[in-house]
Amino acid sequence: MSLNNVGAEFESAKKHLSLYKNNITVFGSARVKETDPLYEKSYQLGRLLSNSGFNVFTGGGPGVMEAVSKGAFEGKSKSVGINIELPHEQVPNPYLDSSLTFRYFFTRKVMLVKYASACIFLPGGYGTNDELFEILTLIQTYKMQSIPVILCGLSFWQPLIAWIEDMVMKDYVKKENLDLLILVESNEEVMRTVKEKLCL
């Protein structure tokens, strides 16, 4: 890893992404197929966000990311992909008005949230949960501004909430840090929450 390359990656991304205002980042699994009901739900969410005036940032890859990008691309605002070089899975999807590709996960993760007014998490695996806990840690430690962190999908996320509640009971996590998470079920609840929290 070259520090010069890291710095150049940050600077290039900053110049590109700072042009976008009123952005929301959506996270979710790369492995969801078009036949999965979650793909359609993700598509509809991307379209709702875009038509409500939000530029939609995603990881730029397949699965949930592709579905959200497609909805945003077909809406009124911009679909922006913040991609990563990987040996498999992560090819930029075709529904992006603009796309950046990163060599390093940590630079990419910074840029996924740096210009976001809110973050929405749809179901996903290791990568999605890594991004979720990194954002929660940064907010908890005041290393980034507090923004709405919305988990969409009750049956998927409730076990995680129960696990965190157990950590609260053991005093590993403070109660107010559990309150950083907003759990909803539907796209309509996502939109209501976004508009309420962003005072729109």
C-alpha atoms as a PDB file:
ATOM      1  CA  MET A   1       0.000   0.000   0.000  1.00  0.00           C
ATOM      2  CA  SER A   2       1.371   3.392  -1.018  1.00  0.00           C
ATOM      3  CA  LEU A   3       0.470   6.460   1.052  1.00  0.00           C
ATOM      4  CA  ASN A   4       0.732   8.527  -2.125  1.00  0.00           C
ATOM      5  CA  ASN A   5      -1.850   6.292  -3.791  1.00  0.00           C
ATOM      6  CA  VAL A   6      -4.148   6.575  -0.766  1.00  0.00           C
ATOM      7  CA  GLY A   7      -3.875  10.356  -0.769  1.00  0.00           C
ATOM      8  CA  ALA A   8      -4.475  10.547  -4.498  1.00  0.00           C
ATOM      9  CA  GLU A   9      -7.550   8.341  -4.151  1.00  0.00           C
ATOM     10  CA  PHE A  10      -8.992  10.602  -1.459  1.00  0.00           C
ATOM     11  CA  GLU A  11      -8.272  13.781  -3.427  1.00  0.00           C
ATOM     12  CA  SER A  12      -9.763  12.467  -6.667  1.00  0.00           C
ATOM     13  CA  ALA A  13     -12.907  11.262  -4.898  1.00  0.00           C
ATOM     14  CA  LYS A  14     -13.277  14.511  -2.968  1.00  0.00           C
ATOM     15  CA  LYS A  15     -13.168  16.601  -6.156  1.00  0.00           C
ATOM     16  CA  HIS A  16     -15.753  14.364  -7.786  1.00  0.00           C
ATOM     17  CA  LEU A  17     -18.216  13.756  -4.952  1.00  0.00           C
ATOM     18  CA  SER A  18     -18.179  17.227  -3.401  1.00  0.00           C
ATOM     19  CA  LEU A  19     -20.102  18.393  -6.482  1.00  0.00           C
ATOM     20  CA  TYR A  20     -23.163  16.455  -5.306  1.00  0.00           C
ATOM     21  CA  LYS A  21     -25.518  17.884  -2.694  1.00  0.00           C
ATOM     22  CA  ASN A  22     -28.494  16.327  -0.915  1.00  0.00           C
ATOM     23  CA  ASN A  23     -27.195  12.760  -1.016  1.00  0.00           C
ATOM     24  CA  ILE A  24     -28.287   9.523   0.626  1.00  0.00           C
ATOM     25  CA  THR A  25     -26.182   6.359   0.664  1.00  0.00           C
ATOM     26  CA  VAL A  26     -27.873   2.963   0.460  1.00  0.00           C
ATOM     27  CA  PHE A  27     -26.088  -0.265   1.429  1.00  0.00           C
ATOM     28  CA  GLY A  28     -27.050  -3.892   0.797  1.00  0.00           C
ATOM     29  CA  SER A  29     -26.052  -7.289  -0.506  1.00  0.00           C
ATOM     30  CA  ALA A  30     -24.217  -7.795  -3.793  1.00  0.00           C
ATOM     31  CA  ARG A  31     -25.671 -11.309  -4.079  1.00  0.00           C
ATOM     32  CA  VAL A  32     -29.389 -10.618  -4.437  1.00  0.00           C
ATOM     33  CA  LYS A  33     -30.844 -11.807  -7.760  1.00  0.00           C
ATOM     34  CA  GLU A  34     -33.433 -10.006  -9.883  1.00  0.00           C
ATOM     35  CA  THR A  35     -35.981 -12.694  -8.972  1.00  0.00           C
ATOM     36  CA  ASP A  36     -35.655 -11.936  -5.248  1.00  0.00           C
ATOM     37  CA  PRO A  37     -38.449  -9.707  -3.845  1.00  0.00           C
ATOM     38  CA  LEU A  38     -35.712  -7.666  -2.161  1.00  0.00           C
ATOM     39  CA  TYR A  39     -34.443  -6.614  -5.603  1.00  0.00           C
ATOM     40  CA  GLU A  40     -37.807  -5.054  -6.451  1.00  0.00           C
ATOM     41  CA  LYS A  41     -38.074  -3.406  -3.030  1.00  0.00           C
ATOM     42  CA  SER A  42     -34.569  -1.975  -3.466  1.00  0.00           C
ATOM     43  CA  TYR A  43     -35.422  -0.704  -6.952  1.00  0.00           C
ATOM     44  CA  GLN A  44     -38.534   1.033  -5.682  1.00  0.00           C
ATOM     45  CA  LEU A  45     -36.589   2.615  -2.815  1.00  0.00           C
ATOM     46  CA  GLY A  46     -33.976   3.992  -5.201  1.00  0.00           C
ATOM     47  CA  ARG A  47     -36.697   5.479  -7.370  1.00  0.00           C
ATOM     48  CA  LEU A  48     -38.518   7.035  -4.400  1.00  0.00           C
ATOM     49  CA  LEU A  49     -35.336   8.638  -3.100  1.00  0.00           C
ATOM     50  CA  SER A  50     -34.367   9.956  -6.531  1.00  0.00           C
ATOM     51  CA  ASN A  51     -37.807  11.371  -7.257  1.00  0.00           C
ATOM     52  CA  SER A  52     -37.765  13.054  -3.832  1.00  0.00           C
ATOM     53  CA  GLY A  53     -34.690  15.046  -4.842  1.00  0.00           C
ATOM     54  CA  PHE A  54     -31.916  12.922  -3.341  1.00  0.00           C
ATOM     55  CA  ASN A  55     -28.840  11.840  -5.233  1.00  0.00           C
ATOM     56  CA  VAL A  56     -28.403   8.168  -4.411  1.00  0.00           C
ATOM     57  CA  PHE A  57     -24.959   6.792  -3.594  1.00  0.00           C
ATOM     58  CA  THR A  58     -24.374   3.025  -3.562  1.00  0.00           C
ATOM     59  CA  GLY A  59     -21.390   0.707  -3.681  1.00  0.00           C
ATOM     60  CA  GLY A  60     -22.005   0.593  -7.428  1.00  0.00           C
ATOM     61  CA  GLY A  61     -22.035  -3.186  -7.759  1.00  0.00           C
ATOM     62  CA  PRO A  62     -24.643  -5.904  -8.395  1.00  0.00           C
ATOM     63  CA  GLY A  63     -27.542  -7.145  -6.268  1.00  0.00           C
ATOM     64  CA  VAL A  64     -29.222  -4.630  -3.975  1.00  0.00           C
ATOM     65  CA  MET A  65     -26.764  -1.972  -5.127  1.00  0.00           C
ATOM     66  CA  GLU A  66     -27.774  -2.489  -8.760  1.00  0.00           C
ATOM     67  CA  ALA A  67     -31.480  -2.435  -7.941  1.00  0.00           C
ATOM     68  CA  VAL A  68     -31.210   0.794  -5.947  1.00  0.00           C
ATOM     69  CA  SER A  69     -29.028   2.344  -8.661  1.00  0.00           C
ATOM     70  CA  LYS A  70     -31.543   1.375 -11.339  1.00  0.00           C
ATOM     71  CA  GLY A  71     -34.398   3.026  -9.468  1.00  0.00           C
ATOM     72  CA  ALA A  72     -32.346   6.157  -8.864  1.00  0.00           C
ATOM     73  CA  PHE A  73     -31.119   6.225 -12.470  1.00  0.00           C
ATOM     74  CA  GLU A  74     -34.703   6.131 -13.735  1.00  0.00           C
ATOM     75  CA  GLY A  75     -35.744   8.852 -11.270  1.00  0.00           C
ATOM     76  CA  LYS A  76     -35.157  12.590 -11.276  1.00  0.00           C
ATOM     77  CA  SER A  77     -31.823  12.738  -9.425  1.00  0.00           C
ATOM     78  CA  LYS A  78     -28.408  11.160  -9.886  1.00  0.00           C
ATOM     79  CA  SER A  79     -27.248   7.591  -9.319  1.00  0.00           C
ATOM     80  CA  VAL A  80     -23.629   7.533  -8.135  1.00  0.00           C
ATOM     81  CA  GLY A  81     -21.536   4.378  -7.771  1.00  0.00           C
ATOM     82  CA  ILE A  82     -18.648   4.202  -5.311  1.00  0.00           C
ATOM     83  CA  ASN A  83     -17.062   0.947  -6.373  1.00  0.00           C
ATOM     84  CA  ILE A  84     -14.161  -1.247  -5.246  1.00  0.00           C
ATOM     85  CA  GLU A  85     -11.653  -3.333  -7.203  1.00  0.00           C
ATOM     86  CA  LEU A  86     -12.280  -6.995  -6.334  1.00  0.00           C
ATOM     87  CA  PRO A  87     -11.373 -10.281  -8.059  1.00  0.00           C
ATOM     88  CA  HIS A  88     -15.066 -11.215  -8.249  1.00  0.00           C
ATOM     89  CA  GLU A  89     -18.595  -9.804  -7.694  1.00  0.00           C
ATOM     90  CA  GLN A  90     -17.861  -6.096  -7.895  1.00  0.00           C
ATOM     91  CA  VAL A  91     -18.329  -5.028 -11.517  1.00  0.00           C
ATOM     92  CA  PRO A  92     -19.964  -1.578 -11.859  1.00  0.00           C
ATOM     93  CA  ASN A  93     -23.645  -1.921 -12.648  1.00  0.00           C
ATOM     94  CA  PRO A  94     -25.047  -0.193 -15.765  1.00  0.00           C
ATOM     95  CA  TYR A  95     -27.382   2.175 -13.894  1.00  0.00           C
ATOM     96  CA  LEU A  96     -24.916   4.856 -12.827  1.00  0.00           C
ATOM     97  CA  ASP A  97     -24.795   8.482 -13.901  1.00  0.00           C
ATOM     98  CA  SER A  98     -21.327   8.617 -12.389  1.00  0.00           C
ATOM     99  CA  SER A  99     -18.925   6.013 -11.015  1.00  0.00           C
ATOM    100  CA  LEU A 100     -15.681   5.944  -9.042  1.00  0.00           C
ATOM    101  CA  THR A 101     -13.580   2.840  -8.432  1.00  0.00           C
ATOM    102  CA  PHE A 102     -11.373   2.498  -5.350  1.00  0.00           C
ATOM    103  CA  ARG A 103      -8.399   0.266  -4.639  1.00  0.00           C
ATOM    104  CA  TYR A 104      -8.787   0.435  -0.865  1.00  0.00           C
ATOM    105  CA  PHE A 105     -11.815  -0.436   1.232  1.00  0.00           C
ATOM    106  CA  PHE A 106     -11.142   2.196   3.884  1.00  0.00           C
ATOM    107  CA  THR A 107     -10.963   5.092   1.419  1.00  0.00           C
ATOM    108  CA  ARG A 108     -14.140   3.871  -0.230  1.00  0.00           C
ATOM    109  CA  LYS A 109     -15.956   3.599   3.101  1.00  0.00           C
ATOM    110  CA  VAL A 110     -15.019   7.161   3.999  1.00  0.00           C
ATOM    111  CA  MET A 111     -16.405   8.447   0.707  1.00  0.00           C
ATOM    112  CA  LEU A 112     -19.617   6.436   0.983  1.00  0.00           C
ATOM    113  CA  VAL A 113     -20.548   8.468   4.067  1.00  0.00           C
ATOM    114  CA  LYS A 114     -18.615  11.750   3.855  1.00  0.00           C
ATOM    115  CA  TYR A 115     -21.208  13.511   1.691  1.00  0.00           C
ATOM    116  CA  ALA A 116     -24.286  11.566   2.863  1.00  0.00           C
ATOM    117  CA  SER A 117     -27.154  13.196   4.761  1.00  0.00           C
ATOM    118  CA  ALA A 118     -28.434   9.755   5.800  1.00  0.00           C
ATOM    119  CA  CYS A 119     -27.522   6.082   5.398  1.00  0.00           C
ATOM    120  CA  ILE A 120     -30.021   3.331   4.651  1.00  0.00           C
ATOM    121  CA  PHE A 121     -29.195  -0.334   5.175  1.00  0.00           C
ATOM    122  CA  LEU A 122     -31.038  -3.088   3.352  1.00  0.00           C
ATOM    123  CA  PRO A 123     -30.216  -6.740   4.123  1.00  0.00           C
ATOM    124  CA  GLY A 124     -26.667  -7.819   3.365  1.00  0.00           C
ATOM    125  CA  GLY A 125     -23.667  -9.823   4.482  1.00  0.00           C
ATOM    126  CA  TYR A 126     -20.209  -9.159   5.885  1.00  0.00           C
ATOM    127  CA  GLY A 127     -19.585  -6.041   3.793  1.00  0.00           C
ATOM    128  CA  THR A 128     -22.925  -4.435   4.626  1.00  0.00           C
ATOM    129  CA  ASN A 129     -22.523  -5.120   8.333  1.00  0.00           C
ATOM    130  CA  ASP A 130     -18.909  -3.951   8.313  1.00  0.00           C
ATOM    131  CA  GLU A 131     -20.048  -0.645   6.849  1.00  0.00           C
ATOM    132  CA  LEU A 132     -22.908  -0.399   9.371  1.00  0.00           C
ATOM    133  CA  PHE A 133     -20.694  -0.906  12.414  1.00  0.00           C
ATOM    134  CA  GLU A 134     -17.989   1.395  11.093  1.00  0.00           C
ATOM    135  CA  ILE A 135     -20.532   4.207  10.731  1.00  0.00           C
ATOM    136  CA  LEU A 136     -21.957   3.535  14.199  1.00  0.00           C
ATOM    137  CA  THR A 137     -18.446   3.577  15.683  1.00  0.00           C
ATOM    138  CA  LEU A 138     -17.587   6.853  13.943  1.00  0.00           C
ATOM    139  CA  ILE A 139     -20.800   8.503  15.175  1.00  0.00           C
ATOM    140  CA  GLN A 140     -20.388   7.057  18.682  1.00  0.00           C
ATOM    141  CA  THR A 141     -16.851   8.427  18.946  1.00  0.00           C
ATOM    142  CA  TYR A 142     -17.716  11.802  17.370  1.00  0.00           C
ATOM    143  CA  LYS A 143     -15.416  11.178  14.395  1.00  0.00           C
ATOM    144  CA  MET A 144     -18.277  12.027  12.031  1.00  0.00           C
ATOM    145  CA  GLN A 145     -21.454  14.028  12.348  1.00  0.00           C
ATOM    146  CA  SER A 146     -24.516  12.179  13.553  1.00  0.00           C
ATOM    147  CA  ILE A 147     -26.778  11.322  10.634  1.00  0.00           C
ATOM    148  CA  PRO A 148     -29.843   9.064  10.420  1.00  0.00           C
ATOM    149  CA  VAL A 149     -28.899   5.370  10.168  1.00  0.00           C
ATOM    150  CA  ILE A 150     -31.962   3.483   8.959  1.00  0.00           C
ATOM    151  CA  LEU A 151     -32.273  -0.306   8.903  1.00  0.00           C
ATOM    152  CA  CYS A 152     -34.985  -1.461   6.480  1.00  0.00           C
ATOM    153  CA  GLY A 153     -36.410  -4.956   6.969  1.00  0.00           C
ATOM    154  CA  LEU A 154     -37.735  -6.026  10.383  1.00  0.00           C
ATOM    155  CA  SER A 155     -37.237  -9.790  10.117  1.00  0.00           C
ATOM    156  CA  PHE A 156     -33.639  -9.365   8.944  1.00  0.00           C
ATOM    157  CA  TRP A 157     -32.476  -6.682  11.371  1.00  0.00           C
ATOM    158  CA  GLN A 158     -34.412  -7.516  14.561  1.00  0.00           C
ATOM    159  CA  PRO A 159     -31.968 -10.287  15.611  1.00  0.00           C
ATOM    160  CA  LEU A 160     -29.122  -7.777  15.317  1.00  0.00           C
ATOM    161  CA  ILE A 161     -31.045  -5.262  17.425  1.00  0.00           C
ATOM    162  CA  ALA A 162     -31.670  -7.982  20.027  1.00  0.00           C
ATOM    163  CA  TRP A 163     -27.930  -8.756  20.104  1.00  0.00           C
ATOM    164  CA  ILE A 164     -27.082  -5.078  20.610  1.00  0.00           C
ATOM    165  CA  GLU A 165     -29.750  -4.828  23.328  1.00  0.00           C
ATOM    166  CA  ASP A 166     -27.966  -7.691  25.083  1.00  0.00           C
ATOM    167  CA  MET A 167     -24.711  -5.721  24.825  1.00  0.00           C
ATOM    168  CA  VAL A 168     -26.519  -2.728  26.361  1.00  0.00           C
ATOM    169  CA  MET A 169     -27.675  -4.904  29.268  1.00  0.00           C
ATOM    170  CA  LYS A 170     -24.056  -6.033  29.788  1.00  0.00           C
ATOM    171  CA  ASP A 171     -22.943  -2.373  29.610  1.00  0.00           C
ATOM    172  CA  TYR A 172     -20.764  -2.994  26.549  1.00  0.00           C
ATOM    173  CA  VAL A 173     -22.823  -0.447  24.605  1.00  0.00           C
ATOM    174  CA  LYS A 174     -24.504   2.644  26.018  1.00  0.00           C
ATOM    175  CA  LYS A 175     -28.281   2.863  25.640  1.00  0.00           C
ATOM    176  CA  GLU A 176     -28.035   6.124  23.696  1.00  0.00           C
ATOM    177  CA  ASN A 177     -25.844   4.406  21.110  1.00  0.00           C
ATOM    178  CA  LEU A 178     -28.550   1.822  20.443  1.00  0.00           C
ATOM    179  CA  ASP A 179     -30.788   4.785  19.720  1.00  0.00           C
ATOM    180  CA  LEU A 180     -28.542   5.670  16.759  1.00  0.00           C
ATOM    181  CA  LEU A 181     -30.358   2.940  14.804  1.00  0.00           C
ATOM    182  CA  ILE A 182     -33.814   3.434  13.303  1.00  0.00           C
ATOM    183  CA  LEU A 183     -35.612   0.190  12.406  1.00  0.00           C
ATOM    184  CA  VAL A 184     -38.372   0.247   9.778  1.00  0.00           C
ATOM    185  CA  GLU A 185     -40.087  -2.226   7.487  1.00  0.00           C
ATOM    186  CA  SER A 186     -41.322  -0.463   4.357  1.00  0.00           C
ATOM    187  CA  ASN A 187     -39.959   1.966   1.806  1.00  0.00           C
ATOM    188  CA  GLU A 188     -42.698   4.372   2.813  1.00  0.00           C
ATOM    189  CA  GLU A 189     -41.447   4.314   6.405  1.00  0.00           C
ATOM    190  CA  VAL A 190     -37.929   4.960   5.128  1.00  0.00           C
ATOM    191  CA  MET A 191     -39.116   8.027   3.253  1.00  0.00           C
ATOM    192  CA  ARG A 192     -41.125   9.350   6.209  1.00  0.00           C
ATOM    193  CA  THR A 193     -38.141   8.867   8.495  1.00  0.00           C
ATOM    194  CA  VAL A 194     -35.732  10.578   6.106  1.00  0.00           C
ATOM    195  CA  LYS A 195     -38.010  13.581   5.673  1.00  0.00           C
ATOM    196  CA  GLU A 196     -38.672  13.830   9.417  1.00  0.00           C
ATOM    197  CA  LYS A 197     -35.025  13.511  10.444  1.00  0.00           C
ATOM    198  CA  LEU A 198     -33.782  15.888   7.746  1.00  0.00           C
ATOM    199  CA  CYS A 199     -36.632  18.319   8.514  1.00  0.00           C
ATOM    200  CA  LEU A 200     -37.956  18.330   4.949  1.00  0.00           C
END
